[in-house]
C-alpha atoms as a PDB file:
ATOM      1  CA  MET A   1     -17.865 -17.267  59.299  1.00  0.00           C
ATOM      2  CA  VAL A   2     -20.863 -19.234  60.489  1.00  0.00           C
ATOM      3  CA  CYS A   3     -23.958 -19.612  58.327  1.00  0.00           C
ATOM      4  CA  VAL A   4     -27.253 -19.854  60.142  1.00  0.00           C
ATOM      5  CA  ALA A   5     -30.362 -21.124  58.427  1.00  0.00           C
ATOM      6  CA  PRO A   6     -33.409 -18.901  58.866  1.00  0.00           C
ATOM      7  CA  GLN A   7     -35.857 -20.087  61.477  1.00  0.00           C
ATOM      8  CA  PHE A   8     -39.571 -20.154  60.772  1.00  0.00           C
ATOM      9  CA  ALA A   9     -42.417 -20.458  63.206  1.00  0.00           C
ATOM     10  CA  GLN A  10     -45.014 -23.125  62.434  1.00  0.00           C
ATOM     11  CA  SER A  11     -47.528 -20.335  61.784  1.00  0.00           C
ATOM     12  CA  ASP A  12     -45.305 -18.979  58.963  1.00  0.00           C
ATOM     13  CA  LEU A  13     -45.666 -22.205  56.968  1.00  0.00           C
ATOM     14  CA  PRO A  14     -48.697 -22.825  54.776  1.00  0.00           C
ATOM     15  CA  SER A  15     -51.141 -25.206  56.357  1.00  0.00           C
ATOM     16  CA  ARG A  16     -51.615 -27.049  53.084  1.00  0.00           C
ATOM     17  CA  VAL A  17     -49.514 -27.096  49.945  1.00  0.00           C
ATOM     18  CA  GLU A  18     -51.241 -28.079  46.749  1.00  0.00           C
ATOM     19  CA  ALA A  19     -49.199 -28.974  43.709  1.00  0.00           C
ATOM     20  CA  GLN A  20     -50.216 -30.577  40.488  1.00  0.00           C
ATOM     21  CA  HIS A  21     -47.692 -33.061  39.197  1.00  0.00           C
ATOM     22  CA  LYS A  22     -48.208 -35.048  36.069  1.00  0.00           C
ATOM     23  CA  VAL A  23     -46.801 -38.517  36.548  1.00  0.00           C
ATOM     24  CA  SER A  24     -44.463 -39.515  33.748  1.00  0.00           C
ATOM     25  CA  GLU A  25     -44.882 -42.962  32.362  1.00  0.00           C
ATOM     26  CA  VAL A  26     -41.496 -43.627  30.810  1.00  0.00           C
ATOM     27  CA  GLN A  27     -41.153 -46.910  28.953  1.00  0.00           C
ATOM     28  CA  LEU A  28     -38.369 -48.554  26.995  1.00  0.00           C
ATOM     29  CA  SER A  29     -39.258 -49.254  23.367  1.00  0.00           C
ATOM     30  CA  GLN A  30     -37.199 -51.477  21.049  1.00  0.00           C
ATOM     31  CA  GLN A  31     -37.325 -50.202  17.449  1.00  0.00           C
ATOM     32  CA  SER A  32     -35.260 -50.349  14.246  1.00  0.00           C
ATOM     33  CA  CYS A  33     -33.839 -47.183  12.696  1.00  0.00           C
ATOM     34  CA  PRO A  34     -35.699 -46.377   9.450  1.00  0.00           C
ATOM     35  CA  TYR A  35     -32.376 -45.312   7.871  1.00  0.00           C
ATOM     36  CA  CYS A  36     -29.668 -47.784   8.924  1.00  0.00           C
ATOM     37  CA  GLY A  37     -31.917 -50.629  10.121  1.00  0.00           C
ATOM     38  CA  GLU A  38     -29.968 -51.075  13.351  1.00  0.00           C
ATOM     39  CA  PRO A  39     -31.903 -51.966  16.503  1.00  0.00           C
ATOM     40  CA  ILE A  40     -32.301 -48.977  18.824  1.00  0.00           C
ATOM     41  CA  ARG A  41     -33.801 -48.431  22.252  1.00  0.00           C
ATOM     42  CA  LEU A  42     -35.951 -45.398  22.929  1.00  0.00           C
ATOM     43  CA  LEU A  43     -37.164 -44.089  26.267  1.00  0.00           C
ATOM     44  CA  VAL A  44     -40.634 -42.733  25.591  1.00  0.00           C
ATOM     45  CA  ASP A  45     -42.981 -40.829  27.892  1.00  0.00           C
ATOM     46  CA  THR A  46     -46.427 -42.309  27.292  1.00  0.00           C
ATOM     47  CA  SER A  47     -48.238 -40.012  29.754  1.00  0.00           C
ATOM     48  CA  GLU A  48     -49.053 -37.533  26.959  1.00  0.00           C
ATOM     49  CA  GLY A  49     -50.908 -40.123  24.884  1.00  0.00           C
ATOM     50  CA  THR A  50     -50.714 -39.434  21.156  1.00  0.00           C
ATOM     51  CA  SER A  51     -47.691 -37.291  20.264  1.00  0.00           C
ATOM     52  CA  GLU A  52     -44.878 -36.925  17.746  1.00  0.00           C
ATOM     53  CA  TYR A  53     -41.298 -35.706  18.011  1.00  0.00           C
ATOM     54  CA  ILE A  54     -37.924 -35.878  16.254  1.00  0.00           C
ATOM     55  CA  GLU A  55     -35.052 -37.880  17.733  1.00  0.00           C
ATOM     56  CA  ASP A  56     -31.655 -38.753  16.268  1.00  0.00           C
ATOM     57  CA  CYS A  57     -30.733 -42.410  15.789  1.00  0.00           C
ATOM     58  CA  GLU A  58     -28.114 -43.408  18.357  1.00  0.00           C
ATOM     59  CA  VAL A  59     -26.256 -45.413  15.668  1.00  0.00           C
ATOM     60  CA  CYS A  60     -26.261 -43.334  12.454  1.00  0.00           C
ATOM     61  CA  CYS A  61     -27.313 -39.960  13.982  1.00  0.00           C
ATOM     62  CA  ARG A  62     -29.966 -39.279  11.339  1.00  0.00           C
ATOM     63  CA  PRO A  63     -33.202 -37.600  12.488  1.00  0.00           C
ATOM     64  CA  MET A  64     -36.266 -39.819  12.666  1.00  0.00           C
ATOM     65  CA  THR A  65     -39.852 -39.097  13.591  1.00  0.00           C
ATOM     66  CA  VAL A  66     -41.032 -40.934  16.689  1.00  0.00           C
ATOM     67  CA  MET A  67     -44.814 -41.300  16.799  1.00  0.00           C
ATOM     68  CA  LEU A  68     -46.742 -42.305  19.913  1.00  0.00           C
ATOM     69  CA  THR A  69     -50.328 -43.300  19.204  1.00  0.00           C
ATOM     70  CA  GLU A  70     -52.833 -43.974  21.971  1.00  0.00           C
ATOM     71  CA  THR A  71     -55.374 -46.658  21.130  1.00  0.00           C
ATOM     72  CA  SER A  72     -58.987 -46.740  22.312  1.00  0.00           C
ATOM     73  CA  ASP A  73     -58.086 -49.079  25.190  1.00  0.00           C
ATOM     74  CA  GLY A  74     -55.431 -46.650  26.495  1.00  0.00           C
ATOM     75  CA  THR A  75     -52.311 -48.468  25.338  1.00  0.00           C
ATOM     76  CA  VAL A  76     -49.674 -46.480  23.491  1.00  0.00           C
ATOM     77  CA  THR A  77     -47.926 -47.817  20.381  1.00  0.00           C
ATOM     78  CA  VAL A  78     -44.553 -46.496  19.226  1.00  0.00           C
ATOM     79  CA  SER A  79     -43.412 -46.237  15.620  1.00  0.00           C
ATOM     80  CA  VAL A  80     -40.437 -44.575  13.914  1.00  0.00           C
ATOM     81  CA  HIS A  81     -40.294 -43.137  10.389  1.00  0.00           C
ATOM     82  CA  HIS A  82     -37.994 -41.172   8.118  1.00  0.00           C
ATOM     83  CA  GLU A  83     -38.038 -37.515   9.142  1.00  0.00           C
ATOM     84  CA  ASN A  84     -39.871 -36.422   5.972  1.00  0.00           C
ATOM     85  CA  GLU A  85     -42.202 -39.399   5.713  1.00  0.00           C
END
């Protein structure tokens, strides 16, 4: 059996393709777990500016709140807290 890819004429293709892609700005952040105190590394996406999410500590596996806060000059700070704090 031979598979043949479909052939398209140039006129079948759109002349211009527009796509909106948000560029991720992933950064490595060194933090300490609020539960066990061990140093941890987090990969955080700073393209969303101020945000908050829950992530488990890679050492003790307890859930912690990761907070990204965008300052007035556009930099993003990262902090971690107990889940219920």
